[in-house]
Amino acid sequence: VLLVESGGGLVQPGRSLKLSCAASGSWFSINVMWWYRQPPVKQRELVANIARDGRTTYEDSVKGQFTLSRDSAKTTTVYLYMNSLKPEDTAVYYCNAQLRLSGNHSWGKGTLVTVST
C-alpha cells in the first residue's frame, strides 16, 4: 500500500490545519491507519489511529485538540484535523497503515507542520 500525506505547512499558533493521508489500496486491505509525528530532535510518537470500522483512538497529548476521520468507502483517505495548534505540535507527521492480510506496516514519507509566528 502506498501512502501519501499532504496538508502540512507553516501555521501560526492557535490556528488549525488539516492533514490528509491517501492510501492506494481499499479499506478491505487495511486493518488500521495511524498518524505519528516526529518533532525536531525527538523520537517518533503516536498521535492517533482509526480502524477499518471507523473507531478512533487518540494519545492523551492530542485529545480534544486533534480529530481523525476517514473518507467515504470509495476512497481510502484519512484526515487529521488539528486545532489550536501550539509550537510544540511542530513535527513531521507520518501516516502508517497495517495491512489486513500480512499484518505488515506501510509508511508514508511524511508532511512537515511548523507552528510558529
Protein backbone atom coordinates (compact mmCIF):
# COMPACT_ATOMS: atom_id res chain seq x y z
CA VAL A 1 0.00 0.00 0.00
CA LEU A 2 1.35 3.39 -0.98
CA LEU A 3 0.61 6.19 1.46
CA VAL A 4 0.83 9.88 0.56
CA GLU A 5 0.48 12.59 3.20
CA SER A 6 -0.40 16.18 2.38
CA GLY A 7 -1.56 19.37 4.03
CA GLY A 8 1.47 20.34 6.07
CA GLY A 9 2.91 23.82 6.16
CA LEU A 10 3.62 26.85 8.29
CA VAL A 11 0.80 27.96 10.57
CA GLN A 12 0.54 30.47 13.38
CA PRO A 13 -0.13 29.34 16.95
CA GLY A 14 -3.83 28.94 17.67
CA ARG A 15 -4.73 28.22 14.07
CA SER A 16 -5.94 24.97 12.53
CA LEU A 17 -4.65 22.65 9.86
CA LYS A 18 -5.96 19.56 8.11
CA LEU A 19 -3.65 16.75 7.09
CA SER A 20 -4.63 14.07 4.61
CA CYS A 21 -3.31 10.58 4.06
CA ALA A 22 -4.33 8.84 0.87
CA ALA A 23 -3.75 5.10 0.57
CA SER A 24 -3.52 3.29 -2.72
CA GLY A 25 -5.43 0.24 -1.50
CA SER A 26 -9.01 -0.15 -0.38
CA TRP A 27 -10.22 -0.30 3.19
CA PHE A 28 -10.70 -4.01 2.63
CA SER A 29 -6.92 -4.45 2.61
CA ILE A 30 -6.24 -2.30 5.68
CA ASN A 31 -6.79 -3.00 9.36
CA VAL A 32 -5.80 0.27 10.97
CA MET A 33 -4.30 3.58 9.90
CA TRP A 34 -2.20 5.64 12.26
CA TRP A 35 -0.80 9.14 12.42
CA TYR A 36 2.59 9.53 14.04
CA ARG A 37 4.71 12.64 14.42
CA GLN A 38 8.37 13.29 14.95
CA PRO A 39 9.27 16.65 16.50
CA PRO A 40 12.72 18.08 15.82
CA VAL A 41 15.49 16.08 17.55
CA LYS A 42 12.92 13.80 19.19
CA GLN A 43 11.67 10.29 18.59
CA ARG A 44 8.63 9.49 16.55
CA GLU A 45 5.47 9.33 18.64
CA LEU A 46 1.97 8.05 18.13
CA VAL A 47 -0.78 10.62 17.63
CA ALA A 48 -3.97 8.75 16.77
CA ASN A 49 -5.38 5.83 14.85
CA ILE A 50 -8.53 4.88 13.03
CA ALA A 51 -9.71 1.34 12.43
CA ARG A 52 -11.42 -0.02 9.37
CA ASP A 53 -14.75 0.27 11.15
CA GLY A 54 -14.14 3.94 11.89
CA ARG A 55 -13.28 3.67 15.56
CA THR A 56 -10.66 6.18 16.63
CA THR A 57 -8.11 6.34 19.43
CA TYR A 58 -6.07 9.36 20.47
CA GLU A 59 -2.99 9.86 22.56
CA ASP A 60 -3.62 11.93 25.68
CA SER A 61 -1.42 14.73 24.37
CA VAL A 62 -3.84 15.48 21.49
CA LYS A 63 -7.23 14.50 22.92
CA GLY A 64 -9.71 17.29 22.38
CA GLN A 65 -7.31 19.08 20.06
CA PHE A 66 -6.98 16.68 17.11
CA THR A 67 -9.76 14.82 15.32
CA LEU A 68 -9.26 11.88 12.99
CA SER A 69 -11.79 10.90 10.36
CA ARG A 70 -11.97 8.78 7.24
CA ASP A 71 -13.34 9.43 3.83
CA SER A 72 -16.25 7.58 2.31
CA ALA A 73 -15.95 3.94 1.35
CA LYS A 74 -14.95 4.94 -2.20
CA THR A 75 -11.53 6.26 -1.22
CA THR A 76 -9.04 5.22 1.42
CA THR A 77 -8.22 8.61 2.83
CA VAL A 78 -7.95 9.69 6.42
CA TYR A 79 -7.89 13.23 7.70
CA LEU A 80 -6.25 14.64 10.78
CA TYR A 81 -7.88 17.88 11.87
CA MET A 82 -5.54 19.79 14.15
CA ASN A 83 -6.97 22.70 16.10
CA SER A 84 -5.46 25.27 18.45
CA LEU A 85 -2.01 24.42 17.25
CA LYS A 86 0.93 25.10 19.50
CA PRO A 87 4.64 25.40 18.75
CA GLU A 88 5.16 22.00 20.37
CA ASP A 89 2.97 20.47 17.66
CA THR A 90 5.74 21.25 15.20
CA ALA A 91 6.81 17.93 13.69
CA VAL A 92 6.91 15.79 10.61
CA TYR A 93 3.60 13.95 10.55
CA TYR A 94 3.61 10.43 9.17
CA CYS A 95 0.84 8.14 8.09
CA ASN A 96 1.06 4.40 8.73
CA ALA A 97 -1.19 1.57 7.65
CA GLN A 98 -1.33 -2.01 8.88
CA LEU A 99 -2.22 -4.40 6.10
CA ARG A 100 -5.04 -6.77 6.81
CA LEU A 101 -3.67 -9.99 5.33
CA SER A 102 0.04 -9.78 6.14
CA GLY A 103 -0.02 -7.59 9.23
CA ASN A 104 2.85 -5.62 7.72
CA HIS A 105 3.05 -1.86 8.01
CA SER A 106 3.46 0.75 5.33
CA TRP A 107 4.72 4.28 5.95
CA GLY A 108 4.26 7.49 4.08
CA LYS A 109 7.11 9.95 3.57
CA GLY A 110 5.64 12.48 5.96
CA THR A 111 4.49 16.07 5.83
CA LEU A 112 6.07 18.87 7.83
CA VAL A 113 3.94 21.01 10.13
CA THR A 114 5.57 24.09 11.57
CA VAL A 115 3.71 26.12 14.17
CA SER A 116 5.38 29.48 14.57
CA THR A 117 4.82 33.19 14.46
